[in-house]
Amino acid sequence: MIRKSLENGVQILRLDRPEKKNALTGAMYSDLAEALELGNDDDTIRCHLICGQPEIFTAGNDIGDFLQYAGKSGISETPVVRFLRALVRNQKPMVASVDGIAIGVGTTMLMHCDMVFASPRAFIRSPFVDLGLVPEAGSSLLGPQLMGHARAFELLCLGNAFSAEKALQAGLVNEIVADNVDATAFACAGEIASKPPEAMALSRKLLRGDTRELSDRVEEEIKIFASRLSAPETIAAFQAFMTKKSKD
């Protein structure tokens, strides 16, 4: 589930499924998308803060849940795609607090955040290619822009894990916080929320630039991602993953 609260202009979105390492279900994606969409039109929401549980940001997609949704309606109608589009259309500053694992979409959503704080035990990895898939959330565009081609390739294609320190060096993380990363992230979100909102919105829009290219890239990734779901190597990779998961 997603626990939502509003404190001093900060909408806190806490991933709360620790028994499954915060693996994101369709219902959780829908809640996240709805919260971001609501924030665009709600003046009381001045900043979003996304956080997880101790040692667990998110293990990424709940693959079994995702395949059920994709099988029923096709990937373009899945809650995860709604969330990816909501990330692009989000108009409010977004802060993330990463403690522990951030896998797959747990990594790519960070590229949409304006500030990212991580604990020393952050573990960031995007095993898309290992599953026969391609990067999503516009990360194939944002990754190289943020950290250069070589580091983006290492993270998104080679699937190497990034420690908190490596993510900091790459520009994916703003600061490593040794003690209570959530409190530091909330303090930053509160500072953002306290700024003149119109000036903040205009400044952020200038920094982000025209998002049409990003939106187009997200849609291109979705199309390719969908086509990969029926590829033999992807099916084999998913079967191997599910078999391993059942044994764990």
C-alpha atoms as a PDB file:
ATOM      1  CA  MET A   1       0.000   0.000   0.000  1.00  0.00           C
ATOM      2  CA  ILE A   2       0.884   3.682  -0.212  1.00  0.00           C
ATOM      3  CA  ARG A   3       0.506   5.649   3.002  1.00  0.00           C
ATOM      4  CA  LYS A   4      -0.316   9.252   2.129  1.00  0.00           C
ATOM      5  CA  SER A   5      -0.246  12.288   4.368  1.00  0.00           C
ATOM      6  CA  LEU A   6       0.098  16.052   4.001  1.00  0.00           C
ATOM      7  CA  GLU A   7       2.347  17.999   6.367  1.00  0.00           C
ATOM      8  CA  ASN A   8       3.167  21.681   5.929  1.00  0.00           C
ATOM      9  CA  GLY A   9       2.616  21.578   2.181  1.00  0.00           C
ATOM     10  CA  VAL A  10       4.523  18.310   1.709  1.00  0.00           C
ATOM     11  CA  GLN A  11       2.595  15.321   0.394  1.00  0.00           C
ATOM     12  CA  ILE A  12       4.356  12.270   1.847  1.00  0.00           C
ATOM     13  CA  LEU A  13       4.001   9.107  -0.214  1.00  0.00           C
ATOM     14  CA  ARG A  14       5.386   6.188   1.771  1.00  0.00           C
ATOM     15  CA  LEU A  15       5.729   2.786   0.136  1.00  0.00           C
ATOM     16  CA  ASP A  16       4.443   0.341   2.735  1.00  0.00           C
ATOM     17  CA  ARG A  17       4.675  -3.288   1.690  1.00  0.00           C
ATOM     18  CA  PRO A  18       7.783  -4.377   3.567  1.00  0.00           C
ATOM     19  CA  GLU A  19       6.842  -8.070   3.587  1.00  0.00           C
ATOM     20  CA  LYS A  20       7.352  -8.015  -0.217  1.00  0.00           C
ATOM     21  CA  LYS A  21      10.271  -5.558  -0.146  1.00  0.00           C
ATOM     22  CA  ASN A  22       7.889  -2.802  -1.257  1.00  0.00           C
ATOM     23  CA  ALA A  23       7.426  -4.454  -4.669  1.00  0.00           C
ATOM     24  CA  LEU A  24       4.926  -2.244  -6.463  1.00  0.00           C
ATOM     25  CA  THR A  25       1.512  -3.643  -7.367  1.00  0.00           C
ATOM     26  CA  GLY A  26      -1.018  -2.192  -9.741  1.00  0.00           C
ATOM     27  CA  ALA A  27      -2.953  -0.730  -6.828  1.00  0.00           C
ATOM     28  CA  MET A  28       0.184   0.966  -5.504  1.00  0.00           C
ATOM     29  CA  TYR A  29       1.008   2.427  -8.923  1.00  0.00           C
ATOM     30  CA  SER A  30      -2.542   3.752  -9.188  1.00  0.00           C
ATOM     31  CA  ASP A  31      -2.265   5.391  -5.769  1.00  0.00           C
ATOM     32  CA  LEU A  32       1.051   7.017  -6.682  1.00  0.00           C
ATOM     33  CA  ALA A  33      -0.256   8.253 -10.028  1.00  0.00           C
ATOM     34  CA  GLU A  34      -3.411   9.616  -8.439  1.00  0.00           C
ATOM     35  CA  ALA A  35      -1.382  11.447  -5.781  1.00  0.00           C
ATOM     36  CA  LEU A  36       0.851  13.106  -8.383  1.00  0.00           C
ATOM     37  CA  GLU A  37      -2.118  14.015 -10.566  1.00  0.00           C
ATOM     38  CA  LEU A  38      -3.936  15.483  -7.573  1.00  0.00           C
ATOM     39  CA  GLY A  39      -0.906  17.562  -6.689  1.00  0.00           C
ATOM     40  CA  ASN A  40      -0.966  19.318 -10.064  1.00  0.00           C
ATOM     41  CA  ASP A  41      -4.307  20.945  -9.212  1.00  0.00           C
ATOM     42  CA  ASP A  42      -4.089  21.226  -5.427  1.00  0.00           C
ATOM     43  CA  ASP A  43      -2.440  24.411  -4.163  1.00  0.00           C
ATOM     44  CA  THR A  44      -2.072  22.953  -0.671  1.00  0.00           C
ATOM     45  CA  ILE A  45       0.416  20.438  -2.092  1.00  0.00           C
ATOM     46  CA  ARG A  46       3.665  22.226  -2.782  1.00  0.00           C
ATOM     47  CA  CYS A  47       6.078  19.314  -2.837  1.00  0.00           C
ATOM     48  CA  HIS A  48       6.001  15.507  -2.988  1.00  0.00           C
ATOM     49  CA  LEU A  49       8.186  13.279  -0.840  1.00  0.00           C
ATOM     50  CA  ILE A  50       8.545   9.615  -1.819  1.00  0.00           C
ATOM     51  CA  CYS A  51      10.051   7.289   0.756  1.00  0.00           C
ATOM     52  CA  GLY A  52      10.034   3.631   1.740  1.00  0.00           C
ATOM     53  CA  GLN A  53      10.826   1.563   4.792  1.00  0.00           C
ATOM     54  CA  PRO A  54      14.091   1.004   6.686  1.00  0.00           C
ATOM     55  CA  GLU A  55      16.502  -0.775   4.322  1.00  0.00           C
ATOM     56  CA  ILE A  56      13.810  -1.001   1.624  1.00  0.00           C
ATOM     57  CA  PHE A  57      12.925   1.725  -0.863  1.00  0.00           C
ATOM     58  CA  THR A  58      11.404  -0.656  -3.404  1.00  0.00           C
ATOM     59  CA  ALA A  59      12.269  -3.921  -5.132  1.00  0.00           C
ATOM     60  CA  GLY A  60      10.562  -2.520  -8.246  1.00  0.00           C
ATOM     61  CA  ASN A  61       7.685  -4.125 -10.113  1.00  0.00           C
ATOM     62  CA  ASP A  62       5.776  -6.974  -8.559  1.00  0.00           C
ATOM     63  CA  ILE A  63       6.290  -9.041 -11.699  1.00  0.00           C
ATOM     64  CA  GLY A  64       3.470 -11.510 -11.092  1.00  0.00           C
ATOM     65  CA  ASP A  65       1.004  -8.690 -10.484  1.00  0.00           C
ATOM     66  CA  PHE A  66       2.267  -6.769 -13.525  1.00  0.00           C
ATOM     67  CA  LEU A  67       1.900  -9.751 -15.857  1.00  0.00           C
ATOM     68  CA  GLN A  68      -1.696 -10.225 -14.727  1.00  0.00           C
ATOM     69  CA  TYR A  69      -2.524  -6.603 -15.562  1.00  0.00           C
ATOM     70  CA  ALA A  70      -0.644  -6.692 -18.866  1.00  0.00           C
ATOM     71  CA  GLY A  71      -2.361  -9.927 -19.868  1.00  0.00           C
ATOM     72  CA  LYS A  72      -5.825  -8.491 -19.292  1.00  0.00           C
ATOM     73  CA  SER A  73      -5.629  -5.136 -21.059  1.00  0.00           C
ATOM     74  CA  GLY A  74      -2.229  -4.737 -22.689  1.00  0.00           C
ATOM     75  CA  ILE A  75       0.594  -2.727 -21.208  1.00  0.00           C
ATOM     76  CA  SER A  76      -0.666   0.707 -22.334  1.00  0.00           C
ATOM     77  CA  GLU A  77      -3.612   0.456 -19.935  1.00  0.00           C
ATOM     78  CA  THR A  78      -1.683  -0.790 -16.905  1.00  0.00           C
ATOM     79  CA  PRO A  79      -1.396   1.228 -13.682  1.00  0.00           C
ATOM     80  CA  VAL A  80       2.393   1.316 -14.028  1.00  0.00           C
ATOM     81  CA  VAL A  81       2.085   3.156 -17.346  1.00  0.00           C
ATOM     82  CA  ARG A  82      -0.313   5.622 -15.750  1.00  0.00           C
ATOM     83  CA  PHE A  83       2.341   6.252 -13.095  1.00  0.00           C
ATOM     84  CA  LEU A  84       5.121   6.711 -15.672  1.00  0.00           C
ATOM     85  CA  ARG A  85       3.025   9.292 -17.503  1.00  0.00           C
ATOM     86  CA  ALA A  86       2.195  11.000 -14.219  1.00  0.00           C
ATOM     87  CA  LEU A  87       5.916  11.366 -13.498  1.00  0.00           C
ATOM     88  CA  VAL A  88       6.375  13.276 -16.747  1.00  0.00           C
ATOM     89  CA  ARG A  89       3.318  15.455 -16.172  1.00  0.00           C
ATOM     90  CA  ASN A  90       4.048  16.156 -12.515  1.00  0.00           C
ATOM     91  CA  GLN A  91       4.218  19.912 -11.910  1.00  0.00           C
ATOM     92  CA  LYS A  92       5.328  19.977  -8.278  1.00  0.00           C
ATOM     93  CA  PRO A  93       8.861  19.483  -6.944  1.00  0.00           C
ATOM     94  CA  MET A  94       9.583  15.930  -5.900  1.00  0.00           C
ATOM     95  CA  VAL A  95      12.029  14.675  -3.270  1.00  0.00           C
ATOM     96  CA  ALA A  96      13.043  11.053  -2.655  1.00  0.00           C
ATOM     97  CA  SER A  97      14.464   9.357   0.421  1.00  0.00           C
ATOM     98  CA  VAL A  98      16.254   6.119  -0.474  1.00  0.00           C
ATOM     99  CA  ASP A  99      17.243   3.708   2.272  1.00  0.00           C
ATOM    100  CA  GLY A 100      18.310   0.285   1.043  1.00  0.00           C
ATOM    101  CA  ILE A 101      17.308  -1.335  -2.228  1.00  0.00           C
ATOM    102  CA  ALA A 102      15.973   0.704  -5.160  1.00  0.00           C
ATOM    103  CA  ILE A 103      15.457  -1.696  -8.058  1.00  0.00           C
ATOM    104  CA  GLY A 104      14.072  -1.116 -11.556  1.00  0.00           C
ATOM    105  CA  VAL A 105      11.434   1.591 -11.429  1.00  0.00           C
ATOM    106  CA  GLY A 106      12.775   2.344  -7.951  1.00  0.00           C
ATOM    107  CA  THR A 107      15.849   3.620  -9.772  1.00  0.00           C
ATOM    108  CA  THR A 108      14.257   5.238 -12.806  1.00  0.00           C
ATOM    109  CA  MET A 109      11.738   7.272 -10.806  1.00  0.00           C
ATOM    110  CA  LEU A 110      14.672   8.946  -9.062  1.00  0.00           C
ATOM    111  CA  MET A 111      15.615  10.575 -12.357  1.00  0.00           C
ATOM    112  CA  HIS A 112      12.352  12.545 -12.177  1.00  0.00           C
ATOM    113  CA  CYS A 113      13.053  13.801  -8.666  1.00  0.00           C
ATOM    114  CA  ASP A 114      14.426  17.262  -7.992  1.00  0.00           C
ATOM    115  CA  MET A 115      16.302  16.180  -4.872  1.00  0.00           C
ATOM    116  CA  VAL A 116      17.378  12.655  -3.887  1.00  0.00           C
ATOM    117  CA  PHE A 117      18.752  11.714  -0.470  1.00  0.00           C
ATOM    118  CA  ALA A 118      20.225   8.282   0.183  1.00  0.00           C
ATOM    119  CA  SER A 119      21.477   6.368   3.181  1.00  0.00           C
ATOM    120  CA  PRO A 120      24.902   4.692   2.984  1.00  0.00           C
ATOM    121  CA  ARG A 121      23.154   1.336   2.511  1.00  0.00           C
ATOM    122  CA  ALA A 122      21.320   2.418  -0.653  1.00  0.00           C
ATOM    123  CA  PHE A 123      21.599  -0.200  -3.392  1.00  0.00           C
ATOM    124  CA  ILE A 124      20.500   1.019  -6.817  1.00  0.00           C
ATOM    125  CA  ARG A 125      20.096  -1.372  -9.730  1.00  0.00           C
ATOM    126  CA  SER A 126      18.121  -1.645 -12.970  1.00  0.00           C
ATOM    127  CA  PRO A 127      18.144  -5.223 -14.309  1.00  0.00           C
ATOM    128  CA  PHE A 128      15.977  -4.525 -17.351  1.00  0.00           C
ATOM    129  CA  VAL A 129      18.228  -6.212 -19.905  1.00  0.00           C
ATOM    130  CA  ASP A 130      18.697  -9.228 -17.619  1.00  0.00           C
ATOM    131  CA  LEU A 131      14.931  -9.752 -17.906  1.00  0.00           C
ATOM    132  CA  GLY A 132      14.969  -9.277 -21.672  1.00  0.00           C
ATOM    133  CA  LEU A 133      13.408  -5.817 -21.333  1.00  0.00           C
ATOM    134  CA  VAL A 134      14.379  -2.192 -21.964  1.00  0.00           C
ATOM    135  CA  PRO A 135      14.654   0.821 -19.643  1.00  0.00           C
ATOM    136  CA  GLU A 136      11.453   2.717 -18.831  1.00  0.00           C
ATOM    137  CA  ALA A 137      10.216   5.988 -17.269  1.00  0.00           C
ATOM    138  CA  GLY A 138      12.169   7.982 -19.828  1.00  0.00           C
ATOM    139  CA  SER A 139      15.413   6.775 -18.265  1.00  0.00           C
ATOM    140  CA  SER A 140      16.938   6.070 -21.686  1.00  0.00           C
ATOM    141  CA  LEU A 141      16.814   9.843 -22.226  1.00  0.00           C
ATOM    142  CA  LEU A 142      17.235  11.162 -18.675  1.00  0.00           C
ATOM    143  CA  GLY A 143      20.026   8.755 -17.716  1.00  0.00           C
ATOM    144  CA  PRO A 144      22.572   9.928 -20.299  1.00  0.00           C
ATOM    145  CA  GLN A 145      21.563  13.555 -19.716  1.00  0.00           C
ATOM    146  CA  LEU A 146      22.073  13.168 -15.982  1.00  0.00           C
ATOM    147  CA  MET A 147      25.220  11.062 -15.777  1.00  0.00           C
ATOM    148  CA  GLY A 148      26.650  10.732 -19.288  1.00  0.00           C
ATOM    149  CA  HIS A 149      26.413   7.809 -21.691  1.00  0.00           C
ATOM    150  CA  ALA A 150      28.990   5.548 -20.065  1.00  0.00           C
ATOM    151  CA  ARG A 151      27.511   5.610 -16.575  1.00  0.00           C
ATOM    152  CA  ALA A 152      23.964   5.393 -17.935  1.00  0.00           C
ATOM    153  CA  PHE A 153      24.967   2.349 -19.974  1.00  0.00           C
ATOM    154  CA  GLU A 154      26.534   0.758 -16.904  1.00  0.00           C
ATOM    155  CA  LEU A 155      23.365   1.281 -14.863  1.00  0.00           C
ATOM    156  CA  LEU A 156      20.637   0.705 -17.452  1.00  0.00           C
ATOM    157  CA  CYS A 157      22.173  -1.758 -19.936  1.00  0.00           C
ATOM    158  CA  LEU A 158      24.898  -3.624 -18.080  1.00  0.00           C
ATOM    159  CA  GLY A 159      22.708  -3.666 -14.974  1.00  0.00           C
ATOM    160  CA  ASN A 160      25.527  -2.967 -12.535  1.00  0.00           C
ATOM    161  CA  ALA A 161      24.512  -1.973  -9.026  1.00  0.00           C
ATOM    162  CA  PHE A 162      25.359   1.521  -7.819  1.00  0.00           C
ATOM    163  CA  SER A 163      26.216   2.127  -4.190  1.00  0.00           C
ATOM    164  CA  ALA A 164      25.129   5.351  -2.550  1.00  0.00           C
ATOM    165  CA  GLU A 165      28.602   6.787  -3.141  1.00  0.00           C
ATOM    166  CA  LYS A 166      28.640   5.807  -6.802  1.00  0.00           C
ATOM    167  CA  ALA A 167      25.141   7.221  -7.298  1.00  0.00           C
ATOM    168  CA  LEU A 168      26.321  10.457  -5.696  1.00  0.00           C
ATOM    169  CA  GLN A 169      29.302  10.650  -8.046  1.00  0.00           C
ATOM    170  CA  ALA A 170      27.011   9.943 -11.008  1.00  0.00           C
ATOM    171  CA  GLY A 171      24.653  12.771 -10.081  1.00  0.00           C
ATOM    172  CA  LEU A 172      21.691  10.530  -9.339  1.00  0.00           C
ATOM    173  CA  VAL A 173      21.844  11.349  -5.613  1.00  0.00           C
ATOM    174  CA  ASN A 174      22.267  14.804  -4.067  1.00  0.00           C
ATOM    175  CA  GLU A 175      23.444  13.798  -0.623  1.00  0.00           C
ATOM    176  CA  ILE A 176      24.284  10.719   1.451  1.00  0.00           C
ATOM    177  CA  VAL A 177      22.777  10.908   4.924  1.00  0.00           C
ATOM    178  CA  ALA A 178      24.272   8.642   7.571  1.00  0.00           C
ATOM    179  CA  ASP A 179      21.519   9.084  10.159  1.00  0.00           C
ATOM    180  CA  ASN A 180      17.760   9.330   9.517  1.00  0.00           C
ATOM    181  CA  VAL A 181      17.648   9.993   5.802  1.00  0.00           C
ATOM    182  CA  ASP A 182      13.854  10.399   5.891  1.00  0.00           C
ATOM    183  CA  ALA A 183      14.115  13.346   8.312  1.00  0.00           C
ATOM    184  CA  THR A 184      16.676  15.079   6.104  1.00  0.00           C
ATOM    185  CA  ALA A 185      14.576  14.536   3.002  1.00  0.00           C
ATOM    186  CA  PHE A 186      11.462  15.830   4.764  1.00  0.00           C
ATOM    187  CA  ALA A 187      13.338  18.930   5.931  1.00  0.00           C
ATOM    188  CA  CYS A 188      14.367  19.620   2.331  1.00  0.00           C
ATOM    189  CA  ALA A 189      10.815  19.067   1.075  1.00  0.00           C
ATOM    190  CA  GLY A 190       9.555  21.426   3.763  1.00  0.00           C
ATOM    191  CA  GLU A 191      12.045  24.081   2.703  1.00  0.00           C
ATOM    192  CA  ILE A 192      10.880  23.718  -0.905  1.00  0.00           C
ATOM    193  CA  ALA A 193       7.244  23.992   0.217  1.00  0.00           C
ATOM    194  CA  SER A 194       8.020  27.195   2.134  1.00  0.00           C
ATOM    195  CA  LYS A 195       9.320  29.024  -0.950  1.00  0.00           C
ATOM    196  CA  PRO A 196       7.073  31.318  -3.027  1.00  0.00           C
ATOM    197  CA  PRO A 197       5.113  28.714  -5.007  1.00  0.00           C
ATOM    198  CA  GLU A 198       4.765  30.558  -8.309  1.00  0.00           C
ATOM    199  CA  ALA A 199       8.457  31.433  -8.433  1.00  0.00           C
ATOM    200  CA  MET A 200       9.328  27.835  -7.551  1.00  0.00           C
ATOM    201  CA  ALA A 201       7.043  26.441 -10.253  1.00  0.00           C
ATOM    202  CA  LEU A 202       8.390  28.779 -12.921  1.00  0.00           C
ATOM    203  CA  SER A 203      12.015  28.122 -11.957  1.00  0.00           C
ATOM    204  CA  ARG A 204      11.516  24.362 -11.986  1.00  0.00           C
ATOM    205  CA  LYS A 205       9.807  24.565 -15.371  1.00  0.00           C
ATOM    206  CA  LEU A 206      12.764  26.499 -16.775  1.00  0.00           C
ATOM    207  CA  LEU A 207      15.192  23.890 -15.477  1.00  0.00           C
ATOM    208  CA  ARG A 208      13.186  20.986 -16.850  1.00  0.00           C
ATOM    209  CA  GLY A 209      12.614  22.628 -20.230  1.00  0.00           C
ATOM    210  CA  ASP A 210      10.204  21.310 -22.817  1.00  0.00           C
ATOM    211  CA  THR A 211       8.986  17.903 -21.632  1.00  0.00           C
ATOM    212  CA  ARG A 212       7.562  16.838 -24.995  1.00  0.00           C
ATOM    213  CA  GLU A 213      10.748  14.970 -25.902  1.00  0.00           C
ATOM    214  CA  LEU A 214      10.624  13.167 -22.559  1.00  0.00           C
ATOM    215  CA  SER A 215       6.957  12.313 -23.037  1.00  0.00           C
ATOM    216  CA  ASP A 216       7.669  10.962 -26.521  1.00  0.00           C
ATOM    217  CA  ARG A 217      10.557   8.864 -25.181  1.00  0.00           C
ATOM    218  CA  VAL A 218       8.373   7.387 -22.442  1.00  0.00           C
ATOM    219  CA  GLU A 219       5.807   6.366 -25.052  1.00  0.00           C
ATOM    220  CA  GLU A 220       8.537   4.876 -27.275  1.00  0.00           C
ATOM    221  CA  GLU A 221       9.894   2.884 -24.336  1.00  0.00           C
ATOM    222  CA  ILE A 222       6.390   1.637 -23.490  1.00  0.00           C
ATOM    223  CA  LYS A 223       5.871   0.431 -27.055  1.00  0.00           C
ATOM    224  CA  ILE A 224       9.196  -1.428 -27.164  1.00  0.00           C
ATOM    225  CA  PHE A 225       8.728  -2.763 -23.616  1.00  0.00           C
ATOM    226  CA  ALA A 226       5.340  -4.177 -24.614  1.00  0.00           C
ATOM    227  CA  SER A 227       6.776  -5.877 -27.693  1.00  0.00           C
ATOM    228  CA  ARG A 228       9.521  -7.450 -25.588  1.00  0.00           C
ATOM    229  CA  LEU A 229       7.044  -9.246 -23.312  1.00  0.00           C
ATOM    230  CA  SER A 230       6.418 -11.851 -26.009  1.00  0.00           C
ATOM    231  CA  ALA A 231      10.076 -12.244 -27.022  1.00  0.00           C
ATOM    232  CA  PRO A 232      11.442 -15.767 -26.367  1.00  0.00           C
ATOM    233  CA  GLU A 233      14.445 -14.523 -24.397  1.00  0.00           C
ATOM    234  CA  THR A 234      12.177 -12.373 -22.209  1.00  0.00           C
ATOM    235  CA  ILE A 235       9.786 -15.247 -21.519  1.00  0.00           C
ATOM    236  CA  ALA A 236      12.737 -17.443 -20.586  1.00  0.00           C
ATOM    237  CA  ALA A 237      14.176 -14.751 -18.309  1.00  0.00           C
ATOM    238  CA  PHE A 238      10.838 -14.244 -16.552  1.00  0.00           C
ATOM    239  CA  GLN A 239      10.379 -17.975 -16.073  1.00  0.00           C
ATOM    240  CA  ALA A 240      13.844 -18.231 -14.561  1.00  0.00           C
ATOM    241  CA  PHE A 241      13.127 -15.267 -12.295  1.00  0.00           C
ATOM    242  CA  MET A 242       9.808 -16.676 -11.078  1.00  0.00           C
ATOM    243  CA  THR A 243      11.358 -20.112 -10.487  1.00  0.00           C
ATOM    244  CA  LYS A 244      14.167 -18.580  -8.453  1.00  0.00           C
ATOM    245  CA  LYS A 245      11.678 -16.446  -6.521  1.00  0.00           C
ATOM    246  CA  SER A 246       9.558 -19.506  -5.636  1.00  0.00           C
ATOM    247  CA  LYS A 247      12.632 -21.215  -4.202  1.00  0.00           C
ATOM    248  CA  ASP A 248      13.735 -18.223  -2.108  1.00  0.00           C
END
